[in-house]
Amino acid sequence: NSANEYWVKAASLLHTDTKGNDLPDPENVRFFLVSGAQHGTGNASSR
């Protein structure tokens, strides 16, 4: 996930319990944040 999913879609709930406590990774799943990224690749010449 990008940082955008953490800000707009509560992506942290993928890897926490419902109270926000860290959960250990399941044996078959890994989680990755692409630091500071938006939802896809933006155009740095446009607002």
All heavy atoms as atom14 arrays in JSON, in Angstrom:
{
  "sequence": "NSANEYWVKAASLLHTDTKGNDLPDPENVRFFLVSGAQHGTGNASSR",
  "atom14_mask": [
    [1, 1, 1, 1, 1, 1, 1, 1, 0, 0, 0, 0, 0, 0],
    [1, 1, 1, 1, 1, 1, 0, 0, 0, 0, 0, 0, 0, 0],
    [1, 1, 1, 1, 1, 0, 0, 0, 0, 0, 0, 0, 0, 0],
    [1, 1, 1, 1, 1, 1, 1, 1, 0, 0, 0, 0, 0, 0],
    [1, 1, 1, 1, 1, 1, 1, 1, 1, 0, 0, 0, 0, 0],
    [1, 1, 1, 1, 1, 1, 1, 1, 1, 1, 1, 1, 0, 0],
    [1, 1, 1, 1, 1, 1, 1, 1, 1, 1, 1, 1, 1, 1],
    [1, 1, 1, 1, 1, 1, 1, 0, 0, 0, 0, 0, 0, 0],
    [1, 1, 1, 1, 1, 1, 1, 1, 1, 0, 0, 0, 0, 0],
    [1, 1, 1, 1, 1, 0, 0, 0, 0, 0, 0, 0, 0, 0],
    [1, 1, 1, 1, 1, 0, 0, 0, 0, 0, 0, 0, 0, 0],
    [1, 1, 1, 1, 1, 1, 0, 0, 0, 0, 0, 0, 0, 0],
    [1, 1, 1, 1, 1, 1, 1, 1, 0, 0, 0, 0, 0, 0],
    [1, 1, 1, 1, 1, 1, 1, 1, 0, 0, 0, 0, 0, 0],
    [1, 1, 1, 1, 1, 1, 1, 1, 1, 1, 0, 0, 0, 0],
    [1, 1, 1, 1, 1, 1, 1, 0, 0, 0, 0, 0, 0, 0],
    [1, 1, 1, 1, 1, 1, 1, 1, 0, 0, 0, 0, 0, 0],
    [1, 1, 1, 1, 1, 1, 1, 0, 0, 0, 0, 0, 0, 0],
    [1, 1, 1, 1, 1, 1, 1, 1, 1, 0, 0, 0, 0, 0],
    [1, 1, 1, 1, 0, 0, 0, 0, 0, 0, 0, 0, 0, 0],
    [1, 1, 1, 1, 1, 1, 1, 1, 0, 0, 0, 0, 0, 0],
    [1, 1, 1, 1, 1, 1, 1, 1, 0, 0, 0, 0, 0, 0],
    [1, 1, 1, 1, 1, 1, 1, 1, 0, 0, 0, 0, 0, 0],
    [1, 1, 1, 1, 1, 1, 1, 0, 0, 0, 0, 0, 0, 0],
    [1, 1, 1, 1, 1, 1, 1, 1, 0, 0, 0, 0, 0, 0],
    [1, 1, 1, 1, 1, 1, 1, 0, 0, 0, 0, 0, 0, 0],
    [1, 1, 1, 1, 1, 1, 1, 1, 1, 0, 0, 0, 0, 0],
    [1, 1, 1, 1, 1, 1, 1, 1, 0, 0, 0, 0, 0, 0],
    [1, 1, 1, 1, 1, 1, 1, 0, 0, 0, 0, 0, 0, 0],
    [1, 1, 1, 1, 1, 1, 1, 1, 1, 1, 1, 0, 0, 0],
    [1, 1, 1, 1, 1, 1, 1, 1, 1, 1, 1, 0, 0, 0],
    [1, 1, 1, 1, 1, 1, 1, 1, 1, 1, 1, 0, 0, 0],
    [1, 1, 1, 1, 1, 1, 1, 1, 0, 0, 0, 0, 0, 0],
    [1, 1, 1, 1, 1, 1, 1, 0, 0, 0, 0, 0, 0, 0],
    [1, 1, 1, 1, 1, 1, 0, 0, 0, 0, 0, 0, 0, 0],
    [1, 1, 1, 1, 0, 0, 0, 0, 0, 0, 0, 0, 0, 0],
    [1, 1, 1, 1, 1, 0, 0, 0, 0, 0, 0, 0, 0, 0],
    [1, 1, 1, 1, 1, 1, 1, 1, 1, 0, 0, 0, 0, 0],
    [1, 1, 1, 1, 1, 1, 1, 1, 1, 1, 0, 0, 0, 0],
    [1, 1, 1, 1, 0, 0, 0, 0, 0, 0, 0, 0, 0, 0],
    [1, 1, 1, 1, 1, 1, 1, 0, 0, 0, 0, 0, 0, 0],
    [1, 1, 1, 1, 0, 0, 0, 0, 0, 0, 0, 0, 0, 0],
    [1, 1, 1, 1, 1, 1, 1, 1, 0, 0, 0, 0, 0, 0],
    [1, 1, 1, 1, 1, 0, 0, 0, 0, 0, 0, 0, 0, 0],
    [1, 1, 1, 1, 1, 1, 0, 0, 0, 0, 0, 0, 0, 0],
    [1, 1, 1, 1, 1, 1, 0, 0, 0, 0, 0, 0, 0, 0],
    [1, 1, 1, 1, 1, 1, 1, 1, 1, 1, 1, 0, 0, 0]
  ],
  "atom14_positions": [
    [[0.82, -1.2, 0.0], [0.0, 0.0, 0.0], [0.86, 1.25, 0.0], [1.98, 1.26, 0.51], [-0.91, 0.01, 1.23], [-2.07, -0.94, 1.08], [-3.01, -0.66, 0.33], [-2.02, -2.07, 1.77], [0.0, 0.0, 0.0], [0.0, 0.0, 0.0], [0.0, 0.0, 0.0], [0.0, 0.0, 0.0], [0.0, 0.0, 0.0], [0.0, 0.0, 0.0]],
    [[0.31, 2.3, -0.58], [0.96, 3.6, -0.51], [0.58, 4.28, 0.8], [-0.32, 3.83, 1.53], [0.51, 4.47, -1.7], [-0.82, 4.94, -1.5], [0.0, 0.0, 0.0], [0.0, 0.0, 0.0], [0.0, 0.0, 0.0], [0.0, 0.0, 0.0], [0.0, 0.0, 0.0], [0.0, 0.0, 0.0], [0.0, 0.0, 0.0], [0.0, 0.0, 0.0]],
    [[1.24, 5.39, 1.08], [0.87, 6.17, 2.26], [-0.57, 6.66, 2.16], [-1.26, 6.82, 3.17], [1.82, 7.36, 2.41], [0.0, 0.0, 0.0], [0.0, 0.0, 0.0], [0.0, 0.0, 0.0], [0.0, 0.0, 0.0], [0.0, 0.0, 0.0], [0.0, 0.0, 0.0], [0.0, 0.0, 0.0], [0.0, 0.0, 0.0], [0.0, 0.0, 0.0]],
    [[-1.04, 6.87, 0.95], [-2.4, 7.35, 0.76], [-3.42, 6.4, 1.38], [-4.39, 6.84, 2.0], [-2.68, 7.53, -0.74], [-4.05, 8.11, -1.01], [-4.97, 7.39, -1.38], [-4.19, 9.42, -0.86], [0.0, 0.0, 0.0], [0.0, 0.0, 0.0], [0.0, 0.0, 0.0], [0.0, 0.0, 0.0], [0.0, 0.0, 0.0], [0.0, 0.0, 0.0]],
    [[-3.21, 5.1, 1.24], [-4.16, 4.13, 1.8], [-4.21, 4.21, 3.32], [-5.24, 3.91, 3.93], [-3.81, 2.7, 1.37], [-4.35, 2.33, 0.0], [-3.72, 3.17, -1.09], [-2.48, 3.19, -1.21], [-4.49, 3.84, -1.83], [0.0, 0.0, 0.0], [0.0, 0.0, 0.0], [0.0, 0.0, 0.0], [0.0, 0.0, 0.0], [0.0, 0.0, 0.0]],
    [[-3.1, 4.59, 3.95], [-3.1, 4.75, 5.4], [-3.88, 6.0, 5.82], [-4.55, 6.01, 6.85], [-1.67, 4.79, 5.94], [-1.05, 3.41, 6.02], [-0.58, 2.75, 4.88], [-0.94, 2.75, 7.24], [-0.03, 1.48, 4.95], [-0.39, 1.47, 7.33], [0.06, 0.85, 6.17], [0.6, -0.42, 6.25], [0.0, 0.0, 0.0], [0.0, 0.0, 0.0]],
    [[-3.8, 7.04, 5.0], [-4.48, 8.29, 5.33], [-5.96, 8.28, 4.92], [-6.78, 8.91, 5.58], [-3.78, 9.47, 4.65], [-2.51, 9.87, 5.34], [-1.26, 9.36, 5.13], [-2.36, 10.86, 6.36], [-0.34, 9.96, 5.95], [-0.99, 10.9, 6.72], [-3.24, 11.72, 7.01], [-0.5, 11.76, 7.7], [-2.75, 12.58, 7.98], [-1.39, 12.6, 8.32]],
    [[-6.31, 7.59, 3.85], [-7.69, 7.7, 3.35], [-8.48, 6.4, 3.45], [-9.71, 6.42, 3.29], [-7.73, 8.22, 1.89], [-6.89, 9.46, 1.72], [-7.34, 7.15, 0.89], [0.0, 0.0, 0.0], [0.0, 0.0, 0.0], [0.0, 0.0, 0.0], [0.0, 0.0, 0.0], [0.0, 0.0, 0.0], [0.0, 0.0, 0.0], [0.0, 0.0, 0.0]],
    [[-7.83, 5.25, 3.72], [-8.56, 3.98, 3.74], [-8.19, 3.09, 4.94], [-8.45, 1.89, 4.92], [-8.32, 3.21, 2.43], [-8.83, 3.93, 1.19], [-8.68, 3.09, -0.06], [-9.84, 2.17, -0.26], [-11.09, 2.9, -0.57], [0.0, 0.0, 0.0], [0.0, 0.0, 0.0], [0.0, 0.0, 0.0], [0.0, 0.0, 0.0], [0.0, 0.0, 0.0]],
    [[-7.59, 3.69, 5.96], [-7.32, 2.97, 7.21], [-6.57, 1.66, 6.99], [-6.89, 0.63, 7.57], [-8.62, 2.7, 7.97], [0.0, 0.0, 0.0], [0.0, 0.0, 0.0], [0.0, 0.0, 0.0], [0.0, 0.0, 0.0], [0.0, 0.0, 0.0], [0.0, 0.0, 0.0], [0.0, 0.0, 0.0], [0.0, 0.0, 0.0], [0.0, 0.0, 0.0]],
    [[-5.53, 1.71, 6.16], [-4.79, 0.5, 5.79], [-4.11, -0.16, 6.98], [-3.81, -1.36, 6.93], [-3.75, 0.82, 4.71], [0.0, 0.0, 0.0], [0.0, 0.0, 0.0], [0.0, 0.0, 0.0], [0.0, 0.0, 0.0], [0.0, 0.0, 0.0], [0.0, 0.0, 0.0], [0.0, 0.0, 0.0], [0.0, 0.0, 0.0], [0.0, 0.0, 0.0]],
    [[-3.87, 0.58, 8.05], [-3.19, -0.03, 9.2], [-4.0, -1.19, 9.78], [-3.44, -2.09, 10.41], [-2.91, 1.01, 10.28], [-4.13, 1.56, 10.79], [0.0, 0.0, 0.0], [0.0, 0.0, 0.0], [0.0, 0.0, 0.0], [0.0, 0.0, 0.0], [0.0, 0.0, 0.0], [0.0, 0.0, 0.0], [0.0, 0.0, 0.0], [0.0, 0.0, 0.0]],
    [[-5.31, -1.19, 9.58], [-6.15, -2.27, 10.1], [-5.86, -3.61, 9.45], [-6.3, -4.65, 9.95], [-7.63, -1.91, 9.94], [-8.16, -0.88, 10.95], [-9.49, -0.31, 10.5], [-8.28, -1.49, 12.34], [0.0, 0.0, 0.0], [0.0, 0.0, 0.0], [0.0, 0.0, 0.0], [0.0, 0.0, 0.0], [0.0, 0.0, 0.0], [0.0, 0.0, 0.0]],
    [[-5.11, -3.61, 8.35], [-4.66, -4.87, 7.75], [-3.76, -5.65, 8.69], [-3.74, -6.88, 8.66], [-3.89, -4.59, 6.45], [-4.65, -4.48, 5.15], [-3.7, -4.0, 4.06], [-5.27, -5.81, 4.75], [0.0, 0.0, 0.0], [0.0, 0.0, 0.0], [0.0, 0.0, 0.0], [0.0, 0.0, 0.0], [0.0, 0.0, 0.0], [0.0, 0.0, 0.0]],
    [[-2.98, -4.94, 9.51], [-1.97, -5.62, 10.32], [-2.09, -5.28, 11.81], [-1.12, -5.39, 12.55], [-0.56, -5.32, 9.8], [-0.27, -3.86, 9.54], [0.11, -2.98, 10.52], [-0.3, -3.15, 8.38], [0.3, -1.79, 9.99], [0.06, -1.85, 8.69], [0.0, 0.0, 0.0], [0.0, 0.0, 0.0], [0.0, 0.0, 0.0], [0.0, 0.0, 0.0]],
    [[-3.29, -4.86, 12.24], [-3.54, -4.64, 13.66], [-4.87, -5.27, 14.05], [-5.67, -5.65, 13.19], [-3.62, -3.13, 14.01], [-4.84, -2.59, 13.47], [-2.43, -2.37, 13.47], [0.0, 0.0, 0.0], [0.0, 0.0, 0.0], [0.0, 0.0, 0.0], [0.0, 0.0, 0.0], [0.0, 0.0, 0.0], [0.0, 0.0, 0.0], [0.0, 0.0, 0.0]],
    [[-5.11, -5.34, 15.35], [-6.46, -5.69, 15.78], [-7.32, -4.44, 15.7], [-6.86, -3.36, 15.28], [-6.46, -6.32, 17.18], [-6.02, -5.36, 18.29], [-5.99, -4.14, 18.07], [-5.7, -5.87, 19.38], [0.0, 0.0, 0.0], [0.0, 0.0, 0.0], [0.0, 0.0, 0.0], [0.0, 0.0, 0.0], [0.0, 0.0, 0.0], [0.0, 0.0, 0.0]],
    [[-8.58, -4.55, 16.1], [-9.49, -3.42, 15.91], [-9.23, -2.27, 16.87], [-9.81, -1.19, 16.71], [-10.95, -3.9, 16.06], [-11.12, -4.48, 17.36], [-11.29, -4.93, 14.99], [0.0, 0.0, 0.0], [0.0, 0.0, 0.0], [0.0, 0.0, 0.0], [0.0, 0.0, 0.0], [0.0, 0.0, 0.0], [0.0, 0.0, 0.0], [0.0, 0.0, 0.0]],
    [[-8.35, -2.49, 17.85], [-7.96, -1.42, 18.76], [-6.62, -0.8, 18.38], [-6.08, 0.02, 19.12], [-7.9, -1.95, 20.19], [-9.26, -2.4, 20.72], [-9.15, -2.91, 22.15], [-10.51, -3.35, 22.7], [-10.41, -3.84, 24.1], [0.0, 0.0, 0.0], [0.0, 0.0, 0.0], [0.0, 0.0, 0.0], [0.0, 0.0, 0.0], [0.0, 0.0, 0.0]],
    [[-6.09, -1.2, 17.24], [-4.84, -0.62, 16.76], [-3.59, -1.27, 17.28], [-2.48, -0.75, 17.07], [0.0, 0.0, 0.0], [0.0, 0.0, 0.0], [0.0, 0.0, 0.0], [0.0, 0.0, 0.0], [0.0, 0.0, 0.0], [0.0, 0.0, 0.0], [0.0, 0.0, 0.0], [0.0, 0.0, 0.0], [0.0, 0.0, 0.0], [0.0, 0.0, 0.0]],
    [[-3.71, -2.43, 17.94], [-2.53, -3.13, 18.45], [-1.9, -3.98, 17.36], [-2.6, -4.64, 16.58], [-2.93, -4.02, 19.63], [-3.48, -3.22, 20.79], [-2.86, -2.27, 21.25], [-4.66, -3.6, 21.26], [0.0, 0.0, 0.0], [0.0, 0.0, 0.0], [0.0, 0.0, 0.0], [0.0, 0.0, 0.0], [0.0, 0.0, 0.0], [0.0, 0.0, 0.0]],
    [[-0.57, -3.97, 17.3], [0.14, -4.74, 16.29], [-0.22, -6.22, 16.37], [-0.34, -6.79, 17.47], [1.66, -4.61, 16.48], [2.16, -3.18, 16.33], [1.51, -2.41, 15.61], [3.2, -2.86, 16.94], [0.0, 0.0, 0.0], [0.0, 0.0, 0.0], [0.0, 0.0, 0.0], [0.0, 0.0, 0.0], [0.0, 0.0, 0.0], [0.0, 0.0, 0.0]],
    [[-0.37, -6.85, 15.21], [-0.55, -8.29, 15.12], [0.69, -8.9, 14.48], [1.28, -8.3, 13.58], [-1.77, -8.64, 14.26], [-3.15, -8.31, 14.83], [-4.21, -8.56, 13.77], [-3.43, -9.13, 16.08], [0.0, 0.0, 0.0], [0.0, 0.0, 0.0], [0.0, 0.0, 0.0], [0.0, 0.0, 0.0], [0.0, 0.0, 0.0], [0.0, 0.0, 0.0]],
    [[1.09, -10.1, 14.9], [2.17, -10.79, 14.19], [1.72, -11.16, 12.78], [0.53, -11.4, 12.54], [2.43, -12.03, 15.04], [1.17, -12.24, 15.81], [0.57, -10.89, 16.04], [0.0, 0.0, 0.0], [0.0, 0.0, 0.0], [0.0, 0.0, 0.0], [0.0, 0.0, 0.0], [0.0, 0.0, 0.0], [0.0, 0.0, 0.0], [0.0, 0.0, 0.0]],
    [[2.65, -11.19, 11.84], [2.3, -11.56, 10.47], [1.84, -13.01, 10.41], [2.47, -13.89, 11.0], [3.52, -11.41, 9.54], [3.91, -9.97, 9.33], [3.12, -9.07, 9.69], [5.02, -9.74, 8.82], [0.0, 0.0, 0.0], [0.0, 0.0, 0.0], [0.0, 0.0, 0.0], [0.0, 0.0, 0.0], [0.0, 0.0, 0.0], [0.0, 0.0, 0.0]],
    [[0.77, -13.29, 9.68], [0.44, -14.69, 9.41], [1.56, -15.34, 8.61], [2.35, -14.65, 7.94], [-0.84, -14.59, 8.57], [-1.37, -13.22, 8.81], [-0.18, -12.36, 9.07], [0.0, 0.0, 0.0], [0.0, 0.0, 0.0], [0.0, 0.0, 0.0], [0.0, 0.0, 0.0], [0.0, 0.0, 0.0], [0.0, 0.0, 0.0], [0.0, 0.0, 0.0]],
    [[1.64, -16.65, 8.64], [2.71, -17.35, 7.93], [2.69, -17.08, 6.44], [3.74, -17.14, 5.78], [2.61, -18.86, 8.18], [2.91, -19.28, 9.61], [2.85, -20.78, 9.8], [2.56, -21.48, 8.8], [3.1, -21.26, 10.91], [0.0, 0.0, 0.0], [0.0, 0.0, 0.0], [0.0, 0.0, 0.0], [0.0, 0.0, 0.0], [0.0, 0.0, 0.0]],
    [[1.52, -16.77, 5.88], [1.39, -16.66, 4.42], [1.23, -15.24, 3.92], [0.96, -15.04, 2.72], [0.18, -17.47, 3.95], [-1.15, -16.91, 4.45], [-1.3, -16.69, 5.64], [-2.08, -16.69, 3.55], [0.0, 0.0, 0.0], [0.0, 0.0, 0.0], [0.0, 0.0, 0.0], [0.0, 0.0, 0.0], [0.0, 0.0, 0.0], [0.0, 0.0, 0.0]],
    [[1.39, -14.22, 4.78], [1.13, -12.84, 4.36], [2.26, -11.93, 4.82], [2.77, -12.06, 5.93], [-0.21, -12.33, 4.93], [-0.56, -10.96, 4.32], [-1.35, -13.31, 4.68], [0.0, 0.0, 0.0], [0.0, 0.0, 0.0], [0.0, 0.0, 0.0], [0.0, 0.0, 0.0], [0.0, 0.0, 0.0], [0.0, 0.0, 0.0], [0.0, 0.0, 0.0]],
    [[2.62, -10.98, 3.94], [3.56, -9.92, 4.28], [2.93, -8.57, 3.89], [2.17, -8.48, 2.93], [4.9, -10.1, 3.57], [5.63, -11.39, 3.94], [6.09, -11.41, 5.38], [6.8, -12.64, 5.71], [6.23, -13.74, 6.19], [4.91, -13.77, 6.37], [6.95, -14.81, 6.47], [0.0, 0.0, 0.0], [0.0, 0.0, 0.0], [0.0, 0.0, 0.0]],
    [[3.31, -7.53, 4.63], [2.71, -6.21, 4.46], [3.8, -5.17, 4.18], [4.85, -5.18, 4.84], [1.95, -5.82, 5.73], [0.93, -6.83, 6.16], [1.24, -7.78, 7.13], [-0.34, -6.84, 5.6], [0.3, -8.72, 7.53], [-1.28, -7.78, 5.98], [-0.97, -8.72, 6.95], [0.0, 0.0, 0.0], [0.0, 0.0, 0.0], [0.0, 0.0, 0.0]],
    [[3.53, -4.29, 3.23], [4.52, -3.29, 2.84], [3.86, -1.93, 2.64], [2.84, -1.82, 1.95], [5.22, -3.7, 1.54], [5.87, -5.06, 1.61], [5.21, -6.18, 1.11], [7.13, -5.23, 2.18], [5.79, -7.44, 1.16], [7.71, -6.48, 2.24], [7.04, -7.59, 1.74], [0.0, 0.0, 0.0], [0.0, 0.0, 0.0], [0.0, 0.0, 0.0]],
    [[4.43, -0.91, 3.25], [4.07, 0.48, 2.98], [5.12, 1.07, 2.05], [6.32, 0.97, 2.33], [4.03, 1.27, 4.28], [4.14, 2.81, 4.15], [2.91, 3.38, 3.45], [4.34, 3.46, 5.52], [0.0, 0.0, 0.0], [0.0, 0.0, 0.0], [0.0, 0.0, 0.0], [0.0, 0.0, 0.0], [0.0, 0.0, 0.0], [0.0, 0.0, 0.0]],
    [[4.68, 1.67, 0.95], [5.58, 2.44, 0.11], [5.6, 3.85, 0.67], [4.65, 4.63, 0.49], [5.14, 2.43, -1.37], [6.14, 3.21, -2.22], [5.01, 1.0, -1.88], [0.0, 0.0, 0.0], [0.0, 0.0, 0.0], [0.0, 0.0, 0.0], [0.0, 0.0, 0.0], [0.0, 0.0, 0.0], [0.0, 0.0, 0.0], [0.0, 0.0, 0.0]],
    [[6.65, 4.17, 1.38], [6.71, 5.4, 2.18], [6.46, 6.63, 1.32], [7.06, 6.8, 0.25], [8.08, 5.53, 2.85], [8.38, 4.39, 3.62], [0.0, 0.0, 0.0], [0.0, 0.0, 0.0], [0.0, 0.0, 0.0], [0.0, 0.0, 0.0], [0.0, 0.0, 0.0], [0.0, 0.0, 0.0], [0.0, 0.0, 0.0], [0.0, 0.0, 0.0]],
    [[5.56, 7.49, 1.81], [5.35, 8.79, 1.2], [4.74, 8.78, -0.17], [4.74, 9.8, -0.85], [0.0, 0.0, 0.0], [0.0, 0.0, 0.0], [0.0, 0.0, 0.0], [0.0, 0.0, 0.0], [0.0, 0.0, 0.0], [0.0, 0.0, 0.0], [0.0, 0.0, 0.0], [0.0, 0.0, 0.0], [0.0, 0.0, 0.0], [0.0, 0.0, 0.0]],
    [[4.18, 7.65, -0.63], [3.62, 7.57, -1.98], [2.14, 7.91, -1.98], [1.42, 7.69, -1.01], [3.84, 6.18, -2.57], [0.0, 0.0, 0.0], [0.0, 0.0, 0.0], [0.0, 0.0, 0.0], [0.0, 0.0, 0.0], [0.0, 0.0, 0.0], [0.0, 0.0, 0.0], [0.0, 0.0, 0.0], [0.0, 0.0, 0.0], [0.0, 0.0, 0.0]],
    [[1.66, 8.45, -3.09], [0.24, 8.68, -3.26], [-0.39, 7.44, -3.9], [0.27, 6.42, -4.09], [-0.03, 9.92, -4.11], [0.34, 9.82, -5.58], [-0.17, 11.03, -6.39], [0.01, 12.18, -5.99], [-0.79, 10.76, -7.52], [0.0, 0.0, 0.0], [0.0, 0.0, 0.0], [0.0, 0.0, 0.0], [0.0, 0.0, 0.0], [0.0, 0.0, 0.0]],
    [[-1.66, 7.51, -4.23], [-2.38, 6.4, -4.83], [-2.01, 6.33, -6.32], [-2.68, 6.9, -7.19], [-3.89, 6.61, -4.67], [-4.74, 5.45, -5.08], [-4.97, 4.37, -4.27], [-5.41, 5.21, -6.22], [-5.77, 3.52, -4.88], [-6.05, 4.0, -6.08], [0.0, 0.0, 0.0], [0.0, 0.0, 0.0], [0.0, 0.0, 0.0], [0.0, 0.0, 0.0]],
    [[-0.92, 5.61, -6.62], [-0.4, 5.59, -7.98], [0.65, 6.67, -8.17], [1.05, 7.37, -7.23], [0.0, 0.0, 0.0], [0.0, 0.0, 0.0], [0.0, 0.0, 0.0], [0.0, 0.0, 0.0], [0.0, 0.0, 0.0], [0.0, 0.0, 0.0], [0.0, 0.0, 0.0], [0.0, 0.0, 0.0], [0.0, 0.0, 0.0], [0.0, 0.0, 0.0]],
    [[1.12, 6.81, -9.41], [2.19, 7.75, -9.72], [1.61, 9.06, -10.21], [0.87, 9.09, -11.2], [3.13, 7.17, -10.78], [3.62, 5.91, -10.33], [4.3, 8.1, -11.04], [0.0, 0.0, 0.0], [0.0, 0.0, 0.0], [0.0, 0.0, 0.0], [0.0, 0.0, 0.0], [0.0, 0.0, 0.0], [0.0, 0.0, 0.0], [0.0, 0.0, 0.0]],
    [[1.93, 10.16, -9.53], [1.4, 11.46, -9.9], [2.28, 12.21, -10.87], [3.43, 11.85, -11.12], [0.0, 0.0, 0.0], [0.0, 0.0, 0.0], [0.0, 0.0, 0.0], [0.0, 0.0, 0.0], [0.0, 0.0, 0.0], [0.0, 0.0, 0.0], [0.0, 0.0, 0.0], [0.0, 0.0, 0.0], [0.0, 0.0, 0.0], [0.0, 0.0, 0.0]],
    [[1.73, 13.29, -11.4], [2.44, 14.17, -12.33], [2.98, 15.36, -11.55], [2.22, 16.23, -11.12], [1.47, 14.63, -13.42], [2.11, 15.56, -14.43], [3.26, 15.96, -14.29], [1.36, 15.91, -15.46], [0.0, 0.0, 0.0], [0.0, 0.0, 0.0], [0.0, 0.0, 0.0], [0.0, 0.0, 0.0], [0.0, 0.0, 0.0], [0.0, 0.0, 0.0]],
    [[4.28, 15.4, -11.36], [4.9, 16.43, -10.53], [4.86, 17.81, -11.15], [5.3, 18.79, -10.52], [6.35, 16.05, -10.21], [0.0, 0.0, 0.0], [0.0, 0.0, 0.0], [0.0, 0.0, 0.0], [0.0, 0.0, 0.0], [0.0, 0.0, 0.0], [0.0, 0.0, 0.0], [0.0, 0.0, 0.0], [0.0, 0.0, 0.0], [0.0, 0.0, 0.0]],
    [[4.33, 17.93, -12.35], [4.2, 19.26, -12.97], [2.76, 19.77, -12.89], [2.45, 20.82, -13.44], [4.65, 19.21, -14.44], [3.79, 18.37, -15.2], [0.0, 0.0, 0.0], [0.0, 0.0, 0.0], [0.0, 0.0, 0.0], [0.0, 0.0, 0.0], [0.0, 0.0, 0.0], [0.0, 0.0, 0.0], [0.0, 0.0, 0.0], [0.0, 0.0, 0.0]],
    [[1.89, 19.02, -12.21], [0.48, 19.39, -12.16], [-0.05, 19.32, -10.73], [0.31, 18.42, -9.97], [-0.35, 18.47, -13.06], [-1.74, 18.68, -12.87], [0.0, 0.0, 0.0], [0.0, 0.0, 0.0], [0.0, 0.0, 0.0], [0.0, 0.0, 0.0], [0.0, 0.0, 0.0], [0.0, 0.0, 0.0], [0.0, 0.0, 0.0], [0.0, 0.0, 0.0]],
    [[-0.93, 20.26, -10.41], [-1.62, 20.24, -9.12], [-2.99, 19.6, -9.21], [-3.56, 19.2, -8.2], [-1.77, 21.66, -8.57], [-0.46, 22.28, -8.09], [-0.67, 23.71, -7.6], [0.52, 24.23, -6.94], [1.58, 24.71, -7.56], [1.6, 24.74, -8.89], [2.63, 25.15, -6.88], [0.0, 0.0, 0.0], [0.0, 0.0, 0.0], [0.0, 0.0, 0.0]]
  ]
}
